[in-house]
Every structure is written in structure tokens, then in C-alpha cells.
């Protein structure tokens, strides 16, 4: 196994751990601390940090640069946030997502 393969697998594992931590927040609540007395939101934050770390390692190992795609990561992040907000608005219109509280 190459270093690249190892890092990609580790990043995949972290994606799964973020998924699991997020589901515990939804299933049992943000403040629940059943697992080791650690609140679910703290566990989620730890897993997200681990994922960000592996993402950075993979990006460095593969020499990935979003500028090669003709945009910066800041631009892509902004575009993604706008897209998510757009579809959250649509979900609110459809009655699937609750309306924001004032």
C-alpha cells in the first residue's frame, strides 16, 4: 500500500466517523454525553477536526490546488454555501424544513 492509498483510506474512515457523530447529535441531542461523558457536540467537533486534518494531508500528498480548476477554495466555499442556502429555502417552501425563528 502506498502512502497516498493509506491517507485516502484514513480520510474515508474519518468521513464515516463524522457521519456517526452527527447522527448521535440528531438521535440523542447535542448535549447528551452517554459516550465517555463527552457531549455529542464535542465528539462531532473532534471528528470534524480529524477529517479536516486528513483532508489537508491528502491535499498535500496529491498536490491538489483548487486554482488549477480556475477558482479558489474561497470562491468554491462561497458557491457551495449559496447553493445549500438556496435548497434550504426550497425545502422551507415545501414545508420539509422548519421556518427560521425570528
C-alpha atoms as a PDB file:
ATOM      1  CA  UNK A   1       0.000   0.000   0.000  1.00  0.00           C
ATOM      2  CA  UNK A   2       1.303   3.439  -0.850  1.00  0.00           C
ATOM      3  CA  UNK A   3       1.243   6.479   1.411  1.00  0.00           C
ATOM      4  CA  UNK A   4      -1.370   8.007  -0.890  1.00  0.00           C
ATOM      5  CA  UNK A   5      -3.634   4.959  -0.580  1.00  0.00           C
ATOM      6  CA  UNK A   6      -3.207   4.904   3.193  1.00  0.00           C
ATOM      7  CA  UNK A   7      -4.123   8.588   3.521  1.00  0.00           C
ATOM      8  CA  UNK A   8      -7.160   8.181   1.271  1.00  0.00           C
ATOM      9  CA  UNK A   9      -8.424   5.265   3.368  1.00  0.00           C
ATOM     10  CA  UNK A  10      -7.854   7.205   6.587  1.00  0.00           C
ATOM     11  CA  UNK A  11      -9.788  10.161   5.132  1.00  0.00           C
ATOM     12  CA  UNK A  12     -12.632   7.811   4.177  1.00  0.00           C
ATOM     13  CA  UNK A  13     -12.688   6.441   7.733  1.00  0.00           C
ATOM     14  CA  UNK A  14     -12.861   9.962   9.158  1.00  0.00           C
ATOM     15  CA  UNK A  15     -15.828  10.719   6.882  1.00  0.00           C
ATOM     16  CA  UNK A  16     -17.609   7.766   8.469  1.00  0.00           C
ATOM     17  CA  UNK A  17     -16.741   8.932  11.969  1.00  0.00           C
ATOM     18  CA  UNK A  18     -18.112  12.417  11.232  1.00  0.00           C
ATOM     19  CA  UNK A  19     -21.287  10.771   9.932  1.00  0.00           C
ATOM     20  CA  UNK A  20     -21.643   8.714  13.092  1.00  0.00           C
ATOM     21  CA  UNK A  21     -21.004  11.683  15.396  1.00  0.00           C
ATOM     22  CA  UNK A  22     -23.527  13.835  13.503  1.00  0.00           C
ATOM     23  CA  UNK A  23     -26.163  11.103  13.743  1.00  0.00           C
ATOM     24  CA  UNK A  24     -25.682  10.934  17.530  1.00  0.00           C
ATOM     25  CA  UNK A  25     -26.331  14.672  17.789  1.00  0.00           C
ATOM     26  CA  UNK A  26     -29.563  14.167  15.836  1.00  0.00           C
ATOM     27  CA  UNK A  27     -30.642  10.971  17.585  1.00  0.00           C
ATOM     28  CA  UNK A  28     -29.782  11.792  21.182  1.00  0.00           C
ATOM     29  CA  UNK A  29     -29.298  15.559  21.310  1.00  0.00           C
ATOM     30  CA  UNK A  30     -26.372  17.945  21.239  1.00  0.00           C
ATOM     31  CA  UNK A  31     -25.735  17.923  24.972  1.00  0.00           C
ATOM     32  CA  UNK A  32     -26.102  14.189  25.536  1.00  0.00           C
ATOM     33  CA  UNK A  33     -22.884  12.722  26.916  1.00  0.00           C
ATOM     34  CA  UNK A  34     -23.541   8.982  27.021  1.00  0.00           C
ATOM     35  CA  UNK A  35     -20.232   8.130  25.358  1.00  0.00           C
ATOM     36  CA  UNK A  36     -17.410   8.652  27.872  1.00  0.00           C
ATOM     37  CA  UNK A  37     -19.201  11.629  29.384  1.00  0.00           C
ATOM     38  CA  UNK A  38     -18.254  13.722  26.329  1.00  0.00           C
ATOM     39  CA  UNK A  39     -21.097  15.830  24.897  1.00  0.00           C
ATOM     40  CA  UNK A  40     -22.121  14.777  21.406  1.00  0.00           C
ATOM     41  CA  UNK A  41     -21.225  18.207  20.006  1.00  0.00           C
ATOM     42  CA  UNK A  42     -17.692  17.873  21.399  1.00  0.00           C
ATOM     43  CA  UNK A  43     -17.346  14.452  19.780  1.00  0.00           C
ATOM     44  CA  UNK A  44     -18.600  15.903  16.487  1.00  0.00           C
ATOM     45  CA  UNK A  45     -16.087  18.747  16.682  1.00  0.00           C
ATOM     46  CA  UNK A  46     -13.220  16.322  17.355  1.00  0.00           C
ATOM     47  CA  UNK A  47     -14.213  14.149  14.396  1.00  0.00           C
ATOM     48  CA  UNK A  48     -14.601  17.166  12.116  1.00  0.00           C
ATOM     49  CA  UNK A  49     -11.128  18.351  13.119  1.00  0.00           C
ATOM     50  CA  UNK A  50      -9.723  14.893  12.407  1.00  0.00           C
ATOM     51  CA  UNK A  51     -11.375  14.963   8.970  1.00  0.00           C
ATOM     52  CA  UNK A  52     -10.028  18.454   8.193  1.00  0.00           C
ATOM     53  CA  UNK A  53      -6.555  17.223   9.149  1.00  0.00           C
ATOM     54  CA  UNK A  54      -6.767  14.213   6.845  1.00  0.00           C
ATOM     55  CA  UNK A  55      -8.185  16.383   4.067  1.00  0.00           C
ATOM     56  CA  UNK A  56      -5.156  18.681   4.365  1.00  0.00           C
ATOM     57  CA  UNK A  57      -2.793  15.709   4.343  1.00  0.00           C
ATOM     58  CA  UNK A  58      -4.437  14.248   1.229  1.00  0.00           C
ATOM     59  CA  UNK A  59      -4.417  17.645  -0.460  1.00  0.00           C
ATOM     60  CA  UNK A  60      -0.680  17.981   0.222  1.00  0.00           C
ATOM     61  CA  UNK A  61       0.117  14.400  -0.791  1.00  0.00           C
ATOM     62  CA  UNK A  62      -1.775  14.672  -4.083  1.00  0.00           C
ATOM     63  CA  UNK A  63      -0.589  18.253  -4.616  1.00  0.00           C
ATOM     64  CA  UNK A  64      -4.187  19.366  -5.120  1.00  0.00           C
ATOM     65  CA  UNK A  65      -4.723  23.044  -5.836  1.00  0.00           C
ATOM     66  CA  UNK A  66      -8.191  24.414  -6.496  1.00  0.00           C
ATOM     67  CA  UNK A  67      -6.583  27.203  -8.516  1.00  0.00           C
ATOM     68  CA  UNK A  68      -5.829  24.529 -11.115  1.00  0.00           C
ATOM     69  CA  UNK A  69      -9.591  24.298 -11.635  1.00  0.00           C
ATOM     70  CA  UNK A  70      -9.917  28.000 -12.324  1.00  0.00           C
ATOM     71  CA  UNK A  71     -11.289  29.076  -8.940  1.00  0.00           C
ATOM     72  CA  UNK A  72     -10.091  29.497  -5.401  1.00  0.00           C
ATOM     73  CA  UNK A  73     -11.263  27.401  -2.478  1.00  0.00           C
ATOM     74  CA  UNK A  74     -12.798  30.569  -1.017  1.00  0.00           C
ATOM     75  CA  UNK A  75     -14.856  31.039  -4.189  1.00  0.00           C
ATOM     76  CA  UNK A  76     -15.907  27.375  -4.188  1.00  0.00           C
ATOM     77  CA  UNK A  77     -16.831  27.549  -0.499  1.00  0.00           C
ATOM     78  CA  UNK A  78     -18.977  30.625  -1.121  1.00  0.00           C
ATOM     79  CA  UNK A  79     -20.666  28.977  -4.098  1.00  0.00           C
ATOM     80  CA  UNK A  80     -21.410  25.842  -2.070  1.00  0.00           C
ATOM     81  CA  UNK A  81     -22.820  27.841   0.839  1.00  0.00           C
ATOM     82  CA  UNK A  82     -25.095  29.761  -1.547  1.00  0.00           C
ATOM     83  CA  UNK A  83     -26.287  26.508  -3.128  1.00  0.00           C
ATOM     84  CA  UNK A  84     -27.049  24.942   0.265  1.00  0.00           C
ATOM     85  CA  UNK A  85     -28.949  28.081   1.342  1.00  0.00           C
ATOM     86  CA  UNK A  86     -30.921  28.058  -1.921  1.00  0.00           C
ATOM     87  CA  UNK A  87     -32.070  24.482  -1.434  1.00  0.00           C
ATOM     88  CA  UNK A  88     -32.807  25.045   2.259  1.00  0.00           C
ATOM     89  CA  UNK A  89     -35.133  27.841   1.104  1.00  0.00           C
ATOM     90  CA  UNK A  90     -36.794  25.458  -1.313  1.00  0.00           C
ATOM     91  CA  UNK A  91     -37.185  22.864   1.448  1.00  0.00           C
ATOM     92  CA  UNK A  92     -38.826  25.535   3.644  1.00  0.00           C
ATOM     93  CA  UNK A  93     -41.215  26.417   0.817  1.00  0.00           C
ATOM     94  CA  UNK A  94     -42.157  22.738   0.526  1.00  0.00           C
ATOM     95  CA  UNK A  95     -42.748  22.511   4.271  1.00  0.00           C
ATOM     96  CA  UNK A  96     -39.961  19.993   4.789  1.00  0.00           C
ATOM     97  CA  UNK A  97     -37.581  22.302   6.667  1.00  0.00           C
ATOM     98  CA  UNK A  98     -38.987  24.326   9.538  1.00  0.00           C
ATOM     99  CA  UNK A  99     -39.064  28.080   9.167  1.00  0.00           C
ATOM    100  CA  UNK A 100     -36.316  30.055  10.878  1.00  0.00           C
ATOM    101  CA  UNK A 101     -37.290  31.626  14.174  1.00  0.00           C
ATOM    102  CA  UNK A 102     -37.003  35.398  14.412  1.00  0.00           C
END
